[in-house]
Protein backbone atom coordinates (compact mmCIF):
# COMPACT_ATOMS: atom_id res chain seq x y z
CA UNK A 1 55.47 2.80 -74.00
CA UNK A 2 59.01 3.97 -74.77
CA UNK A 3 60.49 6.56 -72.46
CA UNK A 4 61.39 9.96 -73.83
CA UNK A 5 65.07 10.61 -74.57
CA UNK A 6 66.26 14.11 -73.73
CA UNK A 7 69.58 15.64 -74.79
CA UNK A 8 71.35 18.95 -75.23
CA UNK A 9 71.91 20.06 -71.65
CA UNK A 10 75.18 21.32 -70.26
CA UNK A 11 77.00 24.05 -68.39
CA UNK A 12 76.58 27.59 -69.70
CA UNK A 13 77.26 31.07 -68.40
CA UNK A 14 74.43 33.45 -67.61
CA UNK A 15 73.20 35.10 -70.77
CA UNK A 16 74.07 32.10 -72.90
CA UNK A 17 71.90 29.75 -74.91
CA UNK A 18 71.19 26.05 -75.17
CA UNK A 19 68.92 23.96 -77.37
CA UNK A 20 67.37 20.85 -75.88
CA UNK A 21 65.99 17.98 -77.94
CA UNK A 22 63.66 15.16 -77.03
CA UNK A 23 62.65 12.12 -79.03
CA UNK A 24 59.26 10.58 -78.28
CA UNK A 25 57.70 7.46 -79.73
CA UNK A 26 55.63 8.04 -82.82
CA UNK A 27 52.23 6.87 -81.52
CA UNK A 28 52.52 9.35 -78.66
CA UNK A 29 53.91 12.21 -80.64
CA UNK A 30 51.14 12.25 -83.17
CA UNK A 31 48.27 12.23 -80.73
CA UNK A 32 49.20 14.41 -77.81
CA UNK A 33 50.34 17.81 -76.81
CA UNK A 34 53.97 17.64 -75.73
CA UNK A 35 55.80 19.66 -73.12
CA UNK A 36 59.03 20.43 -71.36
CA UNK A 37 59.15 20.29 -67.58
CA UNK A 38 61.97 21.18 -65.25
CA UNK A 39 63.01 20.32 -61.73
CA UNK A 40 65.37 22.74 -59.99
CA UNK A 41 67.57 21.37 -57.18
CA UNK A 42 65.46 20.59 -54.12
CA UNK A 43 62.21 21.62 -55.77
CA UNK A 44 59.31 19.91 -57.48
CA UNK A 45 59.05 19.31 -61.19
CA UNK A 46 56.93 21.93 -62.94
CA UNK A 47 55.65 22.63 -66.42
CA UNK A 48 57.89 24.98 -68.42
CA UNK A 49 56.41 25.04 -71.91
CA UNK A 50 54.02 23.05 -74.03
CA UNK A 51 53.01 22.82 -77.67
CA UNK A 52 49.77 21.38 -78.98
CA UNK A 53 49.52 18.94 -81.83
CA UNK A 54 48.49 21.95 -83.90
CA UNK A 55 51.54 24.01 -82.93
CA UNK A 56 50.02 26.36 -80.36
CA UNK A 57 52.53 27.18 -77.63
CA UNK A 58 52.23 28.14 -73.99
CA UNK A 59 54.95 29.12 -71.49
CA UNK A 60 55.46 29.62 -67.79
CA UNK A 61 55.48 33.34 -67.09
CA UNK A 62 59.16 33.41 -66.11
CA UNK A 63 60.17 31.91 -69.46
CA UNK A 64 58.16 34.03 -71.86
CA UNK A 65 60.37 35.84 -74.34
CA UNK A 66 63.42 33.71 -73.55
CA UNK A 67 62.42 30.12 -74.30
CA UNK A 68 60.86 28.73 -77.47
CA UNK A 69 59.29 25.29 -77.77
CA UNK A 70 58.84 23.68 -81.16
CA UNK A 71 58.07 20.26 -82.58
CA UNK A 72 59.12 18.39 -85.69
CA UNK A 73 56.36 15.92 -86.40
CA UNK A 74 58.37 14.15 -89.10
CA UNK A 75 61.12 13.37 -86.57
CA UNK A 76 58.90 12.83 -83.52
CA UNK A 77 61.07 15.36 -81.75
CA UNK A 78 60.35 18.36 -79.57
CA UNK A 79 62.87 21.14 -78.99
CA UNK A 80 63.40 23.83 -76.40
CA UNK A 81 65.51 26.80 -77.46
CA UNK A 82 66.68 28.59 -74.34
CA UNK A 83 68.16 32.07 -74.63
CA UNK A 84 69.26 34.66 -72.08
CA UNK A 85 69.73 31.91 -69.52
CA UNK A 86 69.77 32.80 -65.84
CA UNK A 87 71.19 30.92 -62.84
CA UNK A 88 67.62 30.23 -61.71
CA UNK A 89 67.10 28.22 -64.89
CA UNK A 90 69.43 25.57 -63.46
CA UNK A 91 67.44 22.34 -63.37
CA UNK A 92 66.97 18.91 -64.85
CA UNK A 93 64.79 19.29 -67.91
CA UNK A 94 62.36 16.58 -68.97
CA UNK A 95 59.96 16.17 -71.84
CA UNK A 96 56.68 14.30 -71.77
CA UNK A 97 53.18 14.55 -73.05
CA UNK A 98 50.79 17.11 -71.64
CA UNK A 99 49.26 16.09 -69.32
CA UNK A 100 52.28 13.95 -68.45
CA UNK A 101 52.30 10.19 -68.76
CA UNK A 102 53.88 8.08 -65.98
CA UNK A 103 56.82 7.35 -68.29
CA UNK A 104 59.57 9.87 -67.64
CA UNK A 105 63.01 9.82 -69.21
CA UNK A 106 66.33 10.52 -67.51
CA UNK A 107 66.16 14.20 -68.25
CA UNK A 108 69.02 16.47 -69.22
CA UNK A 109 70.90 18.66 -66.75
CA UNK A 110 71.16 22.38 -67.44
CA UNK A 111 73.48 24.37 -65.22
CA UNK A 112 73.76 28.14 -65.58
CA UNK A 113 76.67 29.80 -63.83
CA UNK A 114 76.60 33.43 -62.71
C-alpha cells in the first residue's frame, strides 16, 4: 500500500488561510472514507475532518465553520481548506483513510503565528 503524500503546509499569521492537499492511491481512494488528522506539538494525533465516499463531511467541533474537507475522485486527492487560522491550529497534518490504515505519510507542518 502506497503511503499518502501530503502538501500545502507552511507558516501563516493568525486569521490567514491555507489549503492542504493529499494524494492517495486509487484502490484506497475509491473504497474508503478519507480524513485529515492533526498532531499538535507534544500531543496525540486526532481526527480533524472526514469525508465519506459519497461526499458527506464531518468535523471536529473546534474546526466547524473554518475548515472544509473535499475530495476529487478523479485525481485521488483530498483537500483541506483552512480559513481563520488560529495559533492552536499549529500541528502536523496527515491524511489517511477513516478509520486510519497503518500507513501514514510524512505529514505537512502548519504553523500559525499570533
